[in-house]
Amino acid sequence: GYFEPKGGDLTPSYQIDFRLYQNGVSRELLIDYGDFS
C-alpha cells in the first residue's frame, strides 16, 4: 500500500498486489487505484 505521508488516512493512494520471486521477477499483478483496478 502506498500512503500519503503523515496523512492519517488508513486508505492507501493505491495498492499493488503481485507474486514476487526470489530472483526479483514478479507476476500476477493487480494495481488498485480505488475507483478502478
All heavy atoms as atom14 arrays in JSON, in Angstrom:
{
  "sequence": "GYFEPKGGDLTPSYQIDFRLYQNGVSRELLIDYGDFS",
  "atom14_mask": [
    [1, 1, 1, 1, 0, 0, 0, 0, 0, 0, 0, 0, 0, 0],
    [1, 1, 1, 1, 1, 1, 1, 1, 1, 1, 1, 1, 0, 0],
    [1, 1, 1, 1, 1, 1, 1, 1, 1, 1, 1, 0, 0, 0],
    [1, 1, 1, 1, 1, 1, 1, 1, 1, 0, 0, 0, 0, 0],
    [1, 1, 1, 1, 1, 1, 1, 0, 0, 0, 0, 0, 0, 0],
    [1, 1, 1, 1, 1, 1, 1, 1, 1, 0, 0, 0, 0, 0],
    [1, 1, 1, 1, 0, 0, 0, 0, 0, 0, 0, 0, 0, 0],
    [1, 1, 1, 1, 0, 0, 0, 0, 0, 0, 0, 0, 0, 0],
    [1, 1, 1, 1, 1, 1, 1, 1, 0, 0, 0, 0, 0, 0],
    [1, 1, 1, 1, 1, 1, 1, 1, 0, 0, 0, 0, 0, 0],
    [1, 1, 1, 1, 1, 1, 1, 0, 0, 0, 0, 0, 0, 0],
    [1, 1, 1, 1, 1, 1, 1, 0, 0, 0, 0, 0, 0, 0],
    [1, 1, 1, 1, 1, 1, 0, 0, 0, 0, 0, 0, 0, 0],
    [1, 1, 1, 1, 1, 1, 1, 1, 1, 1, 1, 1, 0, 0],
    [1, 1, 1, 1, 1, 1, 1, 1, 1, 0, 0, 0, 0, 0],
    [1, 1, 1, 1, 1, 1, 1, 1, 0, 0, 0, 0, 0, 0],
    [1, 1, 1, 1, 1, 1, 1, 1, 0, 0, 0, 0, 0, 0],
    [1, 1, 1, 1, 1, 1, 1, 1, 1, 1, 1, 0, 0, 0],
    [1, 1, 1, 1, 1, 1, 1, 1, 1, 1, 1, 0, 0, 0],
    [1, 1, 1, 1, 1, 1, 1, 1, 0, 0, 0, 0, 0, 0],
    [1, 1, 1, 1, 1, 1, 1, 1, 1, 1, 1, 1, 0, 0],
    [1, 1, 1, 1, 1, 1, 1, 1, 1, 0, 0, 0, 0, 0],
    [1, 1, 1, 1, 1, 1, 1, 1, 0, 0, 0, 0, 0, 0],
    [1, 1, 1, 1, 0, 0, 0, 0, 0, 0, 0, 0, 0, 0],
    [1, 1, 1, 1, 1, 1, 1, 0, 0, 0, 0, 0, 0, 0],
    [1, 1, 1, 1, 1, 1, 0, 0, 0, 0, 0, 0, 0, 0],
    [1, 1, 1, 1, 1, 1, 1, 1, 1, 1, 1, 0, 0, 0],
    [1, 1, 1, 1, 1, 1, 1, 1, 1, 0, 0, 0, 0, 0],
    [1, 1, 1, 1, 1, 1, 1, 1, 0, 0, 0, 0, 0, 0],
    [1, 1, 1, 1, 1, 1, 1, 1, 0, 0, 0, 0, 0, 0],
    [1, 1, 1, 1, 1, 1, 1, 1, 0, 0, 0, 0, 0, 0],
    [1, 1, 1, 1, 1, 1, 1, 1, 0, 0, 0, 0, 0, 0],
    [1, 1, 1, 1, 1, 1, 1, 1, 1, 1, 1, 1, 0, 0],
    [1, 1, 1, 1, 0, 0, 0, 0, 0, 0, 0, 0, 0, 0],
    [1, 1, 1, 1, 1, 1, 1, 1, 0, 0, 0, 0, 0, 0],
    [1, 1, 1, 1, 1, 1, 1, 1, 1, 1, 1, 0, 0, 0],
    [1, 1, 1, 1, 1, 1, 0, 0, 0, 0, 0, 0, 0, 0]
  ],
  "atom14_positions": [
    [[0.83, -1.19, 0.0], [0.0, 0.0, 0.0], [0.87, 1.24, 0.0], [1.84, 1.32, 0.75], [0.0, 0.0, 0.0], [0.0, 0.0, 0.0], [0.0, 0.0, 0.0], [0.0, 0.0, 0.0], [0.0, 0.0, 0.0], [0.0, 0.0, 0.0], [0.0, 0.0, 0.0], [0.0, 0.0, 0.0], [0.0, 0.0, 0.0], [0.0, 0.0, 0.0]],
    [[0.53, 2.22, -0.85], [1.27, 3.48, -0.95], [0.41, 4.59, -0.32], [-0.69, 4.87, -0.81], [1.57, 3.81, -2.41], [2.61, 2.89, -3.03], [2.29, 1.58, -3.37], [3.9, 3.32, -3.26], [3.23, 0.73, -3.93], [4.86, 2.49, -3.82], [4.51, 1.19, -4.15], [5.45, 0.37, -4.71], [0.0, 0.0, 0.0], [0.0, 0.0, 0.0]],
    [[0.92, 5.2, 0.73], [0.15, 6.15, 1.52], [0.73, 7.55, 1.43], [1.95, 7.72, 1.29], [0.12, 5.72, 2.99], [-0.54, 4.4, 3.25], [0.18, 3.22, 3.12], [-1.88, 4.33, 3.62], [-0.42, 1.99, 3.36], [-2.49, 3.11, 3.86], [-1.76, 1.94, 3.73], [0.0, 0.0, 0.0], [0.0, 0.0, 0.0], [0.0, 0.0, 0.0]],
    [[-0.15, 8.54, 1.54], [0.3, 9.92, 1.65], [1.06, 10.06, 2.98], [0.6, 9.58, 4.02], [-0.88, 10.88, 1.64], [-1.66, 10.88, 0.34], [-0.91, 11.58, -0.78], [-0.01, 12.38, -0.47], [-1.23, 11.33, -1.94], [0.0, 0.0, 0.0], [0.0, 0.0, 0.0], [0.0, 0.0, 0.0], [0.0, 0.0, 0.0], [0.0, 0.0, 0.0]],
    [[2.21, 10.71, 2.99], [2.99, 10.83, 4.23], [2.26, 11.64, 5.28], [1.76, 12.74, 5.0], [4.28, 11.53, 3.77], [3.91, 12.22, 2.5], [2.87, 11.36, 1.85], [0.0, 0.0, 0.0], [0.0, 0.0, 0.0], [0.0, 0.0, 0.0], [0.0, 0.0, 0.0], [0.0, 0.0, 0.0], [0.0, 0.0, 0.0], [0.0, 0.0, 0.0]],
    [[2.18, 11.08, 6.47], [1.59, 11.74, 7.63], [0.17, 12.25, 7.37], [-0.27, 13.25, 7.93], [2.47, 12.91, 8.08], [3.87, 12.48, 8.5], [4.7, 13.66, 8.94], [6.11, 13.23, 9.34], [6.96, 14.37, 9.74], [0.0, 0.0, 0.0], [0.0, 0.0, 0.0], [0.0, 0.0, 0.0], [0.0, 0.0, 0.0], [0.0, 0.0, 0.0]],
    [[-0.53, 11.54, 6.5], [-1.88, 11.98, 6.18], [-2.91, 11.5, 7.18], [-4.0, 12.06, 7.28], [0.0, 0.0, 0.0], [0.0, 0.0, 0.0], [0.0, 0.0, 0.0], [0.0, 0.0, 0.0], [0.0, 0.0, 0.0], [0.0, 0.0, 0.0], [0.0, 0.0, 0.0], [0.0, 0.0, 0.0], [0.0, 0.0, 0.0], [0.0, 0.0, 0.0]],
    [[-2.58, 10.45, 7.92], [-3.53, 9.91, 8.89], [-4.64, 9.1, 8.27], [-5.51, 8.59, 8.98], [0.0, 0.0, 0.0], [0.0, 0.0, 0.0], [0.0, 0.0, 0.0], [0.0, 0.0, 0.0], [0.0, 0.0, 0.0], [0.0, 0.0, 0.0], [0.0, 0.0, 0.0], [0.0, 0.0, 0.0], [0.0, 0.0, 0.0], [0.0, 0.0, 0.0]],
    [[-4.62, 8.96, 6.94], [-5.66, 8.2, 6.25], [-5.22, 6.74, 6.16], [-4.13, 6.44, 5.69], [-5.87, 8.78, 4.85], [-7.12, 8.22, 4.17], [-7.69, 7.25, 4.71], [-7.52, 8.77, 3.13], [0.0, 0.0, 0.0], [0.0, 0.0, 0.0], [0.0, 0.0, 0.0], [0.0, 0.0, 0.0], [0.0, 0.0, 0.0], [0.0, 0.0, 0.0]],
    [[-6.08, 5.84, 6.59], [-5.75, 4.42, 6.56], [-5.97, 3.81, 5.18], [-5.63, 2.65, 4.95], [-6.6, 3.68, 7.59], [-6.37, 4.09, 9.05], [-7.27, 3.27, 9.97], [-4.91, 3.93, 9.45], [0.0, 0.0, 0.0], [0.0, 0.0, 0.0], [0.0, 0.0, 0.0], [0.0, 0.0, 0.0], [0.0, 0.0, 0.0], [0.0, 0.0, 0.0]],
    [[-6.54, 4.58, 4.25], [-6.75, 4.1, 2.89], [-5.57, 4.51, 2.02], [-5.25, 5.7, 1.94], [-8.05, 4.68, 2.31], [-9.14, 4.32, 3.14], [-8.27, 4.14, 0.9], [0.0, 0.0, 0.0], [0.0, 0.0, 0.0], [0.0, 0.0, 0.0], [0.0, 0.0, 0.0], [0.0, 0.0, 0.0], [0.0, 0.0, 0.0], [0.0, 0.0, 0.0]],
    [[-4.9, 3.57, 1.35], [-3.75, 3.93, 0.52], [-4.16, 4.71, -0.73], [-5.3, 4.59, -1.21], [-3.14, 2.58, 0.15], [-4.28, 1.62, 0.22], [-5.16, 2.12, 1.34], [0.0, 0.0, 0.0], [0.0, 0.0, 0.0], [0.0, 0.0, 0.0], [0.0, 0.0, 0.0], [0.0, 0.0, 0.0], [0.0, 0.0, 0.0], [0.0, 0.0, 0.0]],
    [[-3.24, 5.51, -1.25], [-3.49, 6.19, -2.52], [-3.67, 5.17, -3.63], [-4.5, 5.34, -4.51], [-2.31, 7.12, -2.85], [-2.17, 8.13, -1.87], [0.0, 0.0, 0.0], [0.0, 0.0, 0.0], [0.0, 0.0, 0.0], [0.0, 0.0, 0.0], [0.0, 0.0, 0.0], [0.0, 0.0, 0.0], [0.0, 0.0, 0.0], [0.0, 0.0, 0.0]],
    [[-2.89, 4.11, -3.57], [-3.09, 2.95, -4.44], [-2.4, 1.75, -3.82], [-1.59, 1.88, -2.9], [-2.59, 3.21, -5.87], [-1.1, 3.46, -6.01], [-0.25, 2.43, -6.38], [-0.57, 4.73, -5.82], [1.11, 2.64, -6.54], [0.79, 4.96, -5.97], [1.62, 3.91, -6.34], [2.97, 4.14, -6.49], [0.0, 0.0, 0.0], [0.0, 0.0, 0.0]],
    [[-2.73, 0.59, -4.34], [-2.2, -0.66, -3.79], [-1.79, -1.58, -4.93], [-2.47, -1.67, -5.95], [-3.26, -1.35, -2.92], [-2.82, -2.67, -2.31], [-3.86, -3.22, -1.35], [-4.37, -2.51, -0.49], [-4.18, -4.49, -1.5], [0.0, 0.0, 0.0], [0.0, 0.0, 0.0], [0.0, 0.0, 0.0], [0.0, 0.0, 0.0], [0.0, 0.0, 0.0]],
    [[-0.66, -2.25, -4.75], [-0.16, -3.19, -5.76], [-0.03, -4.57, -5.14], [0.62, -4.73, -4.11], [1.21, -2.74, -6.31], [1.11, -1.35, -6.94], [1.73, -3.73, -7.34], [2.43, -0.83, -7.47], [0.0, 0.0, 0.0], [0.0, 0.0, 0.0], [0.0, 0.0, 0.0], [0.0, 0.0, 0.0], [0.0, 0.0, 0.0], [0.0, 0.0, 0.0]],
    [[-0.65, -5.56, -5.76], [-0.52, -6.95, -5.34], [0.21, -7.72, -6.45], [-0.05, -7.5, -7.64], [-1.9, -7.59, -5.11], [-2.69, -6.89, -4.01], [-2.09, -6.14, -3.23], [-3.91, -7.1, -3.95], [0.0, 0.0, 0.0], [0.0, 0.0, 0.0], [0.0, 0.0, 0.0], [0.0, 0.0, 0.0], [0.0, 0.0, 0.0], [0.0, 0.0, 0.0]],
    [[1.09, -8.63, -6.07], [1.82, -9.4, -7.06], [2.48, -10.6, -6.41], [2.57, -10.69, -5.18], [2.88, -8.55, -7.77], [3.86, -7.88, -6.84], [5.08, -8.44, -6.55], [3.54, -6.65, -6.26], [5.97, -7.82, -5.7], [4.43, -6.02, -5.4], [5.64, -6.59, -5.12], [0.0, 0.0, 0.0], [0.0, 0.0, 0.0], [0.0, 0.0, 0.0]],
    [[2.94, -11.53, -7.23], [3.74, -12.66, -6.77], [5.2, -12.32, -7.03], [5.6, -12.08, -8.17], [3.35, -13.93, -7.53], [4.21, -15.16, -7.16], [3.83, -15.73, -5.81], [2.52, -16.33, -5.88], [2.31, -17.58, -6.33], [3.32, -18.35, -6.69], [1.08, -18.06, -6.37], [0.0, 0.0, 0.0], [0.0, 0.0, 0.0], [0.0, 0.0, 0.0]],
    [[5.99, -12.3, -5.96], [7.4, -11.95, -6.05], [8.26, -13.21, -5.99], [8.13, -14.01, -5.07], [7.77, -11.01, -4.9], [9.24, -10.63, -4.77], [9.71, -9.81, -5.97], [9.49, -9.87, -3.47], [0.0, 0.0, 0.0], [0.0, 0.0, 0.0], [0.0, 0.0, 0.0], [0.0, 0.0, 0.0], [0.0, 0.0, 0.0], [0.0, 0.0, 0.0]],
    [[9.17, -13.34, -6.95], [10.08, -14.49, -6.98], [11.45, -14.09, -6.46], [11.81, -12.9, -6.47], [10.19, -15.04, -8.41], [8.93, -15.75, -8.84], [7.83, -15.03, -9.28], [8.82, -17.13, -8.76], [6.64, -15.67, -9.65], [7.64, -17.78, -9.12], [6.56, -17.05, -9.56], [5.38, -17.68, -9.9], [0.0, 0.0, 0.0], [0.0, 0.0, 0.0]],
    [[12.2, -15.07, -6.0], [13.47, -14.79, -5.32], [14.49, -14.13, -6.24], [15.45, -13.51, -5.75], [14.05, -16.09, -4.74], [14.45, -17.13, -5.77], [14.87, -18.44, -5.12], [14.06, -19.19, -4.62], [16.17, -18.68, -5.11], [0.0, 0.0, 0.0], [0.0, 0.0, 0.0], [0.0, 0.0, 0.0], [0.0, 0.0, 0.0], [0.0, 0.0, 0.0]],
    [[14.3, -14.21, -7.56], [15.22, -13.55, -8.5], [14.75, -12.15, -8.86], [15.36, -11.49, -9.7], [15.4, -14.4, -9.76], [14.11, -14.52, -10.56], [13.02, -14.15, -10.1], [14.22, -15.06, -11.77], [0.0, 0.0, 0.0], [0.0, 0.0, 0.0], [0.0, 0.0, 0.0], [0.0, 0.0, 0.0], [0.0, 0.0, 0.0], [0.0, 0.0, 0.0]],
    [[13.66, -11.67, -8.23], [13.2, -10.31, -8.47], [12.1, -10.17, -9.49], [11.5, -9.11, -9.62], [0.0, 0.0, 0.0], [0.0, 0.0, 0.0], [0.0, 0.0, 0.0], [0.0, 0.0, 0.0], [0.0, 0.0, 0.0], [0.0, 0.0, 0.0], [0.0, 0.0, 0.0], [0.0, 0.0, 0.0], [0.0, 0.0, 0.0], [0.0, 0.0, 0.0]],
    [[11.81, -11.22, -10.25], [10.73, -11.18, -11.23], [9.39, -11.26, -10.5], [9.28, -11.9, -9.45], [10.86, -12.35, -12.23], [9.65, -12.42, -13.16], [12.14, -12.2, -13.05], [0.0, 0.0, 0.0], [0.0, 0.0, 0.0], [0.0, 0.0, 0.0], [0.0, 0.0, 0.0], [0.0, 0.0, 0.0], [0.0, 0.0, 0.0], [0.0, 0.0, 0.0]],
    [[8.38, -10.59, -11.03], [7.05, -10.66, -10.44], [6.0, -10.95, -11.51], [6.21, -10.67, -12.7], [6.69, -9.36, -9.71], [6.69, -8.27, -10.61], [0.0, 0.0, 0.0], [0.0, 0.0, 0.0], [0.0, 0.0, 0.0], [0.0, 0.0, 0.0], [0.0, 0.0, 0.0], [0.0, 0.0, 0.0], [0.0, 0.0, 0.0], [0.0, 0.0, 0.0]],
    [[4.89, -11.51, -11.09], [3.77, -11.8, -11.99], [2.49, -11.72, -11.16], [2.53, -11.34, -10.01], [3.91, -13.18, -12.66], [4.22, -14.31, -11.71], [4.33, -15.65, -12.44], [3.02, -16.13, -12.87], [2.2, -16.83, -12.1], [2.53, -17.13, -10.86], [1.04, -17.25, -12.57], [0.0, 0.0, 0.0], [0.0, 0.0, 0.0], [0.0, 0.0, 0.0]],
    [[1.34, -12.04, -11.79], [0.03, -11.93, -11.13], [-0.17, -10.52, -10.58], [-0.53, -10.31, -9.42], [-0.11, -12.95, -9.99], [-0.13, -14.39, -10.45], [-0.34, -15.37, -9.29], [-0.3, -14.92, -8.12], [-0.54, -16.55, -9.55], [0.0, 0.0, 0.0], [0.0, 0.0, 0.0], [0.0, 0.0, 0.0], [0.0, 0.0, 0.0], [0.0, 0.0, 0.0]],
    [[0.03, -9.52, -11.42], [-0.01, -8.12, -10.99], [-1.44, -7.59, -10.92], [-2.25, -7.81, -11.82], [0.79, -7.27, -11.98], [0.79, -5.76, -11.74], [1.51, -5.43, -10.45], [1.43, -5.03, -12.92], [0.0, 0.0, 0.0], [0.0, 0.0, 0.0], [0.0, 0.0, 0.0], [0.0, 0.0, 0.0], [0.0, 0.0, 0.0], [0.0, 0.0, 0.0]],
    [[-1.73, -6.87, -9.85], [-3.0, -6.17, -9.7], [-2.71, -4.81, -9.09], [-2.17, -4.71, -7.99], [-3.97, -6.95, -8.8], [-5.32, -6.26, -8.54], [-6.12, -6.16, -9.84], [-6.11, -7.01, -7.48], [0.0, 0.0, 0.0], [0.0, 0.0, 0.0], [0.0, 0.0, 0.0], [0.0, 0.0, 0.0], [0.0, 0.0, 0.0], [0.0, 0.0, 0.0]],
    [[-3.08, -3.74, -9.81], [-2.92, -2.37, -9.32], [-4.31, -1.82, -9.03], [-5.15, -1.72, -9.92], [-2.2, -1.47, -10.34], [-0.9, -2.12, -10.81], [-1.92, -0.1, -9.74], [-0.19, -1.32, -11.89], [0.0, 0.0, 0.0], [0.0, 0.0, 0.0], [0.0, 0.0, 0.0], [0.0, 0.0, 0.0], [0.0, 0.0, 0.0], [0.0, 0.0, 0.0]],
    [[-4.55, -1.45, -7.79], [-5.87, -0.98, -7.36], [-5.77, 0.51, -7.0], [-5.11, 0.89, -6.05], [-6.34, -1.79, -6.15], [-7.78, -1.46, -5.77], [-8.33, -0.49, -6.29], [-8.34, -2.19, -4.93], [0.0, 0.0, 0.0], [0.0, 0.0, 0.0], [0.0, 0.0, 0.0], [0.0, 0.0, 0.0], [0.0, 0.0, 0.0], [0.0, 0.0, 0.0]],
    [[-6.47, 1.34, -7.8], [-6.47, 2.78, -7.57], [-7.7, 3.24, -6.79], [-7.92, 4.43, -6.62], [-6.41, 3.53, -8.9], [-5.09, 3.39, -9.62], [-4.96, 2.5, -10.68], [-3.98, 4.12, -9.24], [-3.75, 2.36, -11.36], [-2.77, 4.0, -9.9], [-2.67, 3.12, -10.96], [-1.47, 2.98, -11.62], [0.0, 0.0, 0.0], [0.0, 0.0, 0.0]],
    [[-8.5, 2.31, -6.32], [-9.7, 2.66, -5.59], [-10.91, 2.75, -6.48], [-11.86, 1.97, -6.36], [0.0, 0.0, 0.0], [0.0, 0.0, 0.0], [0.0, 0.0, 0.0], [0.0, 0.0, 0.0], [0.0, 0.0, 0.0], [0.0, 0.0, 0.0], [0.0, 0.0, 0.0], [0.0, 0.0, 0.0], [0.0, 0.0, 0.0], [0.0, 0.0, 0.0]],
    [[-10.9, 3.69, -7.43], [-12.02, 3.84, -8.37], [-11.99, 2.78, -9.45], [-13.03, 2.43, -10.03], [-11.99, 5.23, -9.02], [-12.23, 6.34, -8.01], [-12.93, 6.09, -7.02], [-11.71, 7.46, -8.2], [0.0, 0.0, 0.0], [0.0, 0.0, 0.0], [0.0, 0.0, 0.0], [0.0, 0.0, 0.0], [0.0, 0.0, 0.0], [0.0, 0.0, 0.0]],
    [[-10.81, 2.27, -9.77], [-10.68, 1.22, -10.77], [-9.4, 0.45, -10.49], [-8.55, 0.89, -9.72], [-10.66, 1.79, -12.2], [-9.45, 2.62, -12.51], [-8.36, 2.07, -13.17], [-9.38, 3.96, -12.15], [-7.23, 2.82, -13.45], [-8.27, 4.74, -12.42], [-7.19, 4.16, -13.08], [0.0, 0.0, 0.0], [0.0, 0.0, 0.0], [0.0, 0.0, 0.0]],
    [[-9.26, -0.7, -11.1], [-8.07, -1.53, -10.91], [-7.59, -2.06, -12.26], [-8.35, -2.12, -13.24], [-8.35, -2.69, -9.95], [-9.37, -3.52, -10.46], [0.0, 0.0, 0.0], [0.0, 0.0, 0.0], [0.0, 0.0, 0.0], [0.0, 0.0, 0.0], [0.0, 0.0, 0.0], [0.0, 0.0, 0.0], [0.0, 0.0, 0.0], [0.0, 0.0, 0.0]]
  ]
}
